Amino acid sequence: MSKYLILIYQADDAAQAAGEAVNPAYREFMERRSSSLLGGAALESPATGTSVRHDHDGNVVVTDGLFTESKEVIGGYFLIEAADLDEALAIAAEVPAGAGVEVRPVRLVS
C-alpha cells in the first residue's frame, strides 16, 4: 500500500471559523473511508498564515500571510493509504470539496 496526500482547495473567503461544526458531508466521507484515512485536518484561515523564505543572500524573511496570492487556497488535507493511484483518485473523488482537490504521492524519506 502507498500513501497519498489529498490537498483540499477552497475559495479564499470560505475558511471555516474556529469552533464551527464540521460539514456533515465531510463527516460522512470520513466515516465511509475510515479504513483508508491515516489522518487529516482543516486549516485555519489563510489570514492566520505566516510565510518563511530565504532571500538571495540566504537571509530568512518572515512575512504575514500566504506564500502566494490566489483565489483558491488549501483549506485542509487528508493523508490516505491506497493500493495505487487509481484507488487514491477514487477516494479523492468522494471528498466534498467545492474548489477541488489535488492528489500527490507521499515519498518516505529516511
N, C-alpha and C. Protein backbone atom coordinates (compact mmCIF):
# COMPACT_ATOMS: atom_id res chain seq x y z
N MET A 1 0.85 -1.19 0.00
CA MET A 1 0.00 0.00 0.00
C MET A 1 0.88 1.24 0.00
N SER A 2 0.43 2.25 -0.72
CA SER A 2 1.15 3.51 -0.80
C SER A 2 0.37 4.60 -0.08
N LYS A 3 1.09 5.65 0.29
CA LYS A 3 0.46 6.79 0.95
C LYS A 3 0.31 7.93 -0.05
N TYR A 4 -0.80 8.66 0.08
CA TYR A 4 -1.09 9.80 -0.78
C TYR A 4 -1.62 10.94 0.09
N LEU A 5 -1.31 12.16 -0.30
CA LEU A 5 -1.83 13.34 0.38
C LEU A 5 -2.89 13.95 -0.52
N ILE A 6 -4.07 14.16 0.03
CA ILE A 6 -5.14 14.85 -0.68
C ILE A 6 -5.19 16.27 -0.13
N LEU A 7 -4.85 17.23 -0.96
CA LEU A 7 -4.92 18.65 -0.58
C LEU A 7 -6.30 19.16 -0.97
N ILE A 8 -7.00 19.76 -0.04
CA ILE A 8 -8.36 20.22 -0.25
C ILE A 8 -8.34 21.72 -0.50
N TYR A 9 -8.80 22.13 -1.67
CA TYR A 9 -8.82 23.55 -2.02
C TYR A 9 -10.19 24.14 -1.73
N GLN A 10 -10.19 25.42 -1.39
CA GLN A 10 -11.43 26.15 -1.15
C GLN A 10 -11.23 27.59 -1.57
N ALA A 11 -12.33 28.29 -1.76
CA ALA A 11 -12.25 29.72 -2.05
C ALA A 11 -11.62 30.41 -0.85
N ASP A 12 -10.83 31.45 -1.11
CA ASP A 12 -10.11 32.16 -0.05
C ASP A 12 -11.05 32.63 1.06
N ASP A 13 -12.27 33.00 0.69
CA ASP A 13 -13.21 33.54 1.68
C ASP A 13 -14.10 32.46 2.31
N ALA A 14 -13.81 31.19 2.06
CA ALA A 14 -14.67 30.11 2.56
C ALA A 14 -14.09 29.38 3.77
N ALA A 15 -13.10 29.95 4.41
CA ALA A 15 -12.46 29.28 5.55
C ALA A 15 -13.47 29.05 6.66
N GLN A 16 -13.36 27.90 7.28
CA GLN A 16 -14.23 27.55 8.39
C GLN A 16 -13.81 28.34 9.62
N ALA A 17 -14.79 28.92 10.29
CA ALA A 17 -14.50 29.67 11.51
C ALA A 17 -14.10 28.70 12.62
N ALA A 18 -13.21 29.14 13.48
CA ALA A 18 -12.77 28.32 14.61
C ALA A 18 -13.98 27.93 15.45
N GLY A 19 -14.07 26.67 15.79
CA GLY A 19 -15.17 26.20 16.60
C GLY A 19 -16.42 25.85 15.81
N GLU A 20 -16.44 26.17 14.52
CA GLU A 20 -17.60 25.86 13.69
C GLU A 20 -17.69 24.34 13.49
N ALA A 21 -18.90 23.83 13.47
CA ALA A 21 -19.10 22.38 13.31
C ALA A 21 -18.59 21.92 11.95
N VAL A 22 -18.09 20.69 11.91
CA VAL A 22 -17.61 20.11 10.66
C VAL A 22 -18.80 19.86 9.74
N ASN A 23 -18.63 20.17 8.46
CA ASN A 23 -19.64 19.94 7.44
C ASN A 23 -20.06 18.46 7.50
N PRO A 24 -21.36 18.18 7.57
CA PRO A 24 -21.82 16.79 7.63
C PRO A 24 -21.33 15.93 6.46
N ALA A 25 -21.16 16.52 5.29
CA ALA A 25 -20.67 15.76 4.14
C ALA A 25 -19.24 15.26 4.39
N TYR A 26 -18.43 16.05 5.07
CA TYR A 26 -17.08 15.61 5.42
C TYR A 26 -17.12 14.49 6.45
N ARG A 27 -18.01 14.61 7.42
CA ARG A 27 -18.14 13.55 8.43
C ARG A 27 -18.52 12.22 7.76
N GLU A 28 -19.48 12.29 6.83
CA GLU A 28 -19.91 11.08 6.12
C GLU A 28 -18.75 10.48 5.32
N PHE A 29 -17.99 11.34 4.63
CA PHE A 29 -16.83 10.87 3.87
C PHE A 29 -15.83 10.18 4.80
N MET A 30 -15.53 10.80 5.93
CA MET A 30 -14.55 10.25 6.86
C MET A 30 -15.01 8.92 7.46
N GLU A 31 -16.30 8.79 7.72
CA GLU A 31 -16.82 7.52 8.23
C GLU A 31 -16.75 6.44 7.15
N ARG A 32 -17.16 6.80 5.93
CA ARG A 32 -17.19 5.84 4.82
C ARG A 32 -15.79 5.36 4.46
N ARG A 33 -14.80 6.23 4.53
CA ARG A 33 -13.44 5.90 4.11
C ARG A 33 -12.48 5.75 5.29
N SER A 34 -12.99 5.47 6.47
CA SER A 34 -12.15 5.41 7.67
C SER A 34 -11.02 4.39 7.55
N SER A 35 -11.22 3.31 6.81
CA SER A 35 -10.15 2.31 6.69
C SER A 35 -8.98 2.79 5.85
N SER A 36 -9.19 3.83 5.04
CA SER A 36 -8.11 4.37 4.19
C SER A 36 -7.46 5.61 4.78
N LEU A 37 -8.16 6.28 5.70
CA LEU A 37 -7.67 7.55 6.25
C LEU A 37 -6.63 7.32 7.33
N LEU A 38 -5.47 7.94 7.16
CA LEU A 38 -4.41 7.89 8.17
C LEU A 38 -4.40 9.15 9.02
N GLY A 39 -4.99 10.22 8.51
CA GLY A 39 -5.01 11.48 9.23
C GLY A 39 -5.58 12.58 8.35
N GLY A 40 -5.74 13.73 8.93
CA GLY A 40 -6.25 14.87 8.19
C GLY A 40 -6.65 15.97 9.14
N ALA A 41 -6.85 17.13 8.58
CA ALA A 41 -7.25 18.28 9.40
C ALA A 41 -7.70 19.41 8.51
N ALA A 42 -8.51 20.28 9.08
CA ALA A 42 -8.86 21.55 8.42
C ALA A 42 -7.82 22.57 8.85
N LEU A 43 -7.51 23.50 7.97
CA LEU A 43 -6.55 24.55 8.29
C LEU A 43 -7.28 25.83 8.67
N GLU A 44 -6.66 26.61 9.50
CA GLU A 44 -7.22 27.92 9.86
C GLU A 44 -7.22 28.82 8.63
N SER A 45 -7.87 29.95 8.74
CA SER A 45 -7.96 30.92 7.65
C SER A 45 -6.58 31.30 7.12
N PRO A 46 -6.46 31.53 5.81
CA PRO A 46 -5.17 31.95 5.25
C PRO A 46 -4.63 33.23 5.90
N ALA A 47 -5.52 34.04 6.44
CA ALA A 47 -5.09 35.28 7.09
C ALA A 47 -4.23 35.00 8.32
N THR A 48 -4.31 33.79 8.86
CA THR A 48 -3.53 33.45 10.05
C THR A 48 -2.16 32.87 9.70
N GLY A 49 -1.90 32.67 8.41
CA GLY A 49 -0.65 32.06 7.97
C GLY A 49 0.54 33.01 8.02
N THR A 50 1.71 32.44 8.09
CA THR A 50 2.97 33.18 8.05
C THR A 50 3.90 32.48 7.08
N SER A 51 4.53 33.24 6.19
CA SER A 51 5.45 32.68 5.21
C SER A 51 6.89 32.88 5.66
N VAL A 52 7.70 31.86 5.49
CA VAL A 52 9.12 31.92 5.82
C VAL A 52 9.89 31.60 4.54
N ARG A 53 10.73 32.52 4.11
CA ARG A 53 11.50 32.35 2.87
C ARG A 53 12.94 32.77 3.11
N HIS A 54 13.77 32.41 2.16
CA HIS A 54 15.17 32.87 2.15
C HIS A 54 15.34 33.82 0.98
N ASP A 55 15.97 34.97 1.22
CA ASP A 55 16.22 35.90 0.12
C ASP A 55 17.48 35.46 -0.63
N HIS A 56 17.88 36.25 -1.62
CA HIS A 56 19.02 35.89 -2.47
C HIS A 56 20.34 35.80 -1.70
N ASP A 57 20.40 36.48 -0.55
CA ASP A 57 21.62 36.44 0.26
C ASP A 57 21.58 35.35 1.32
N GLY A 58 20.50 34.56 1.35
CA GLY A 58 20.38 33.48 2.32
C GLY A 58 19.77 33.90 3.64
N ASN A 59 19.33 35.17 3.75
CA ASN A 59 18.70 35.64 4.97
C ASN A 59 17.26 35.13 5.05
N VAL A 60 16.80 34.85 6.25
CA VAL A 60 15.43 34.41 6.46
C VAL A 60 14.52 35.63 6.47
N VAL A 61 13.44 35.56 5.68
CA VAL A 61 12.45 36.63 5.62
C VAL A 61 11.11 36.06 6.06
N VAL A 62 10.53 36.63 7.11
CA VAL A 62 9.25 36.18 7.64
C VAL A 62 8.22 37.25 7.34
N THR A 63 7.10 36.85 6.71
CA THR A 63 6.03 37.79 6.41
C THR A 63 4.69 37.18 6.79
N ASP A 64 3.76 38.04 7.18
CA ASP A 64 2.40 37.58 7.46
C ASP A 64 1.70 37.26 6.16
N GLY A 65 0.87 36.23 6.18
CA GLY A 65 0.06 35.91 5.01
C GLY A 65 0.58 34.75 4.20
N LEU A 66 -0.11 34.52 3.10
CA LEU A 66 0.17 33.39 2.22
C LEU A 66 1.49 33.54 1.49
N PHE A 67 2.02 32.40 1.08
CA PHE A 67 3.25 32.37 0.27
C PHE A 67 2.99 33.01 -1.09
N THR A 68 1.83 32.71 -1.68
CA THR A 68 1.43 33.32 -2.96
C THR A 68 -0.02 33.77 -2.86
N GLU A 69 -0.38 34.76 -3.64
CA GLU A 69 -1.76 35.23 -3.70
C GLU A 69 -2.54 34.30 -4.62
N SER A 70 -3.76 33.94 -4.21
CA SER A 70 -4.57 33.04 -5.01
C SER A 70 -6.03 33.17 -4.59
N LYS A 71 -6.95 32.92 -5.52
CA LYS A 71 -8.37 32.92 -5.17
C LYS A 71 -8.75 31.63 -4.47
N GLU A 72 -7.97 30.57 -4.72
CA GLU A 72 -8.20 29.30 -4.06
C GLU A 72 -7.01 28.99 -3.17
N VAL A 73 -7.30 28.50 -1.98
CA VAL A 73 -6.25 28.20 -1.01
C VAL A 73 -6.43 26.78 -0.49
N ILE A 74 -5.40 26.24 0.12
CA ILE A 74 -5.50 24.93 0.74
C ILE A 74 -6.25 25.10 2.06
N GLY A 75 -7.38 24.42 2.17
CA GLY A 75 -8.21 24.54 3.36
C GLY A 75 -8.08 23.36 4.30
N GLY A 76 -7.42 22.30 3.83
CA GLY A 76 -7.26 21.13 4.66
C GLY A 76 -6.60 20.01 3.89
N TYR A 77 -6.48 18.87 4.53
CA TYR A 77 -5.83 17.74 3.88
C TYR A 77 -6.29 16.43 4.50
N PHE A 78 -6.11 15.37 3.73
CA PHE A 78 -6.24 14.01 4.23
C PHE A 78 -5.00 13.25 3.82
N LEU A 79 -4.46 12.47 4.71
CA LEU A 79 -3.39 11.52 4.39
C LEU A 79 -4.08 10.17 4.30
N ILE A 80 -3.94 9.51 3.13
CA ILE A 80 -4.62 8.24 2.93
C ILE A 80 -3.63 7.15 2.55
N GLU A 81 -4.12 5.93 2.64
CA GLU A 81 -3.36 4.77 2.17
C GLU A 81 -4.21 4.11 1.09
N ALA A 82 -3.59 3.81 -0.05
CA ALA A 82 -4.31 3.21 -1.17
C ALA A 82 -3.39 2.24 -1.90
N ALA A 83 -3.99 1.29 -2.59
CA ALA A 83 -3.21 0.29 -3.32
C ALA A 83 -2.41 0.91 -4.45
N ASP A 84 -2.99 1.94 -5.10
CA ASP A 84 -2.33 2.58 -6.23
C ASP A 84 -2.98 3.94 -6.47
N LEU A 85 -2.48 4.65 -7.48
CA LEU A 85 -3.01 5.98 -7.78
C LEU A 85 -4.48 5.93 -8.16
N ASP A 86 -4.90 4.91 -8.89
CA ASP A 86 -6.30 4.81 -9.28
C ASP A 86 -7.22 4.75 -8.06
N GLU A 87 -6.83 3.96 -7.07
CA GLU A 87 -7.64 3.89 -5.85
C GLU A 87 -7.60 5.22 -5.10
N ALA A 88 -6.44 5.87 -5.05
CA ALA A 88 -6.33 7.18 -4.39
C ALA A 88 -7.23 8.20 -5.07
N LEU A 89 -7.28 8.17 -6.40
CA LEU A 89 -8.14 9.10 -7.14
C LEU A 89 -9.61 8.81 -6.89
N ALA A 90 -9.97 7.54 -6.76
CA ALA A 90 -11.35 7.18 -6.46
C ALA A 90 -11.75 7.71 -5.08
N ILE A 91 -10.85 7.60 -4.12
CA ILE A 91 -11.12 8.13 -2.78
C ILE A 91 -11.23 9.66 -2.85
N ALA A 92 -10.30 10.29 -3.55
CA ALA A 92 -10.30 11.76 -3.66
C ALA A 92 -11.57 12.27 -4.33
N ALA A 93 -12.10 11.51 -5.27
CA ALA A 93 -13.32 11.93 -5.97
C ALA A 93 -14.51 12.03 -5.03
N GLU A 94 -14.44 11.38 -3.89
CA GLU A 94 -15.53 11.41 -2.91
C GLU A 94 -15.42 12.56 -1.91
N VAL A 95 -14.29 13.26 -1.90
CA VAL A 95 -14.11 14.38 -0.96
C VAL A 95 -15.05 15.50 -1.39
N PRO A 96 -15.90 15.99 -0.48
CA PRO A 96 -16.89 17.02 -0.84
C PRO A 96 -16.31 18.43 -0.88
N ALA A 97 -15.21 18.62 -1.60
CA ALA A 97 -14.55 19.93 -1.66
C ALA A 97 -15.13 20.75 -2.81
N GLY A 98 -15.57 21.96 -2.50
CA GLY A 98 -16.16 22.82 -3.51
C GLY A 98 -15.20 23.24 -4.60
N ALA A 99 -13.95 23.51 -4.25
CA ALA A 99 -12.98 24.01 -5.24
C ALA A 99 -12.07 22.90 -5.76
N GLY A 100 -12.29 21.66 -5.34
CA GLY A 100 -11.50 20.55 -5.85
C GLY A 100 -10.39 20.12 -4.92
N VAL A 101 -9.72 19.06 -5.33
CA VAL A 101 -8.62 18.50 -4.54
C VAL A 101 -7.45 18.19 -5.45
N GLU A 102 -6.29 18.02 -4.85
CA GLU A 102 -5.08 17.60 -5.55
C GLU A 102 -4.56 16.36 -4.82
N VAL A 103 -4.17 15.35 -5.58
CA VAL A 103 -3.65 14.11 -5.01
C VAL A 103 -2.17 14.01 -5.33
N ARG A 104 -1.36 13.78 -4.29
CA ARG A 104 0.09 13.66 -4.50
C ARG A 104 0.60 12.45 -3.75
N PRO A 105 1.41 11.63 -4.42
CA PRO A 105 2.03 10.50 -3.72
C PRO A 105 2.99 11.03 -2.65
N VAL A 106 3.07 10.31 -1.54
CA VAL A 106 3.99 10.67 -0.46
C VAL A 106 5.23 9.80 -0.61
N ARG A 107 6.36 10.44 -0.64
CA ARG A 107 7.64 9.73 -0.72
C ARG A 107 8.24 9.71 0.67
N LEU A 108 8.44 8.54 1.21
CA LEU A 108 9.01 8.42 2.54
C LEU A 108 10.50 8.74 2.49
N VAL A 109 10.94 9.56 3.42
CA VAL A 109 12.34 9.97 3.50
C VAL A 109 12.95 9.32 4.72
N SER A 110 14.09 8.69 4.53
CA SER A 110 14.73 8.04 5.68
C SER A 110 16.13 8.56 5.86
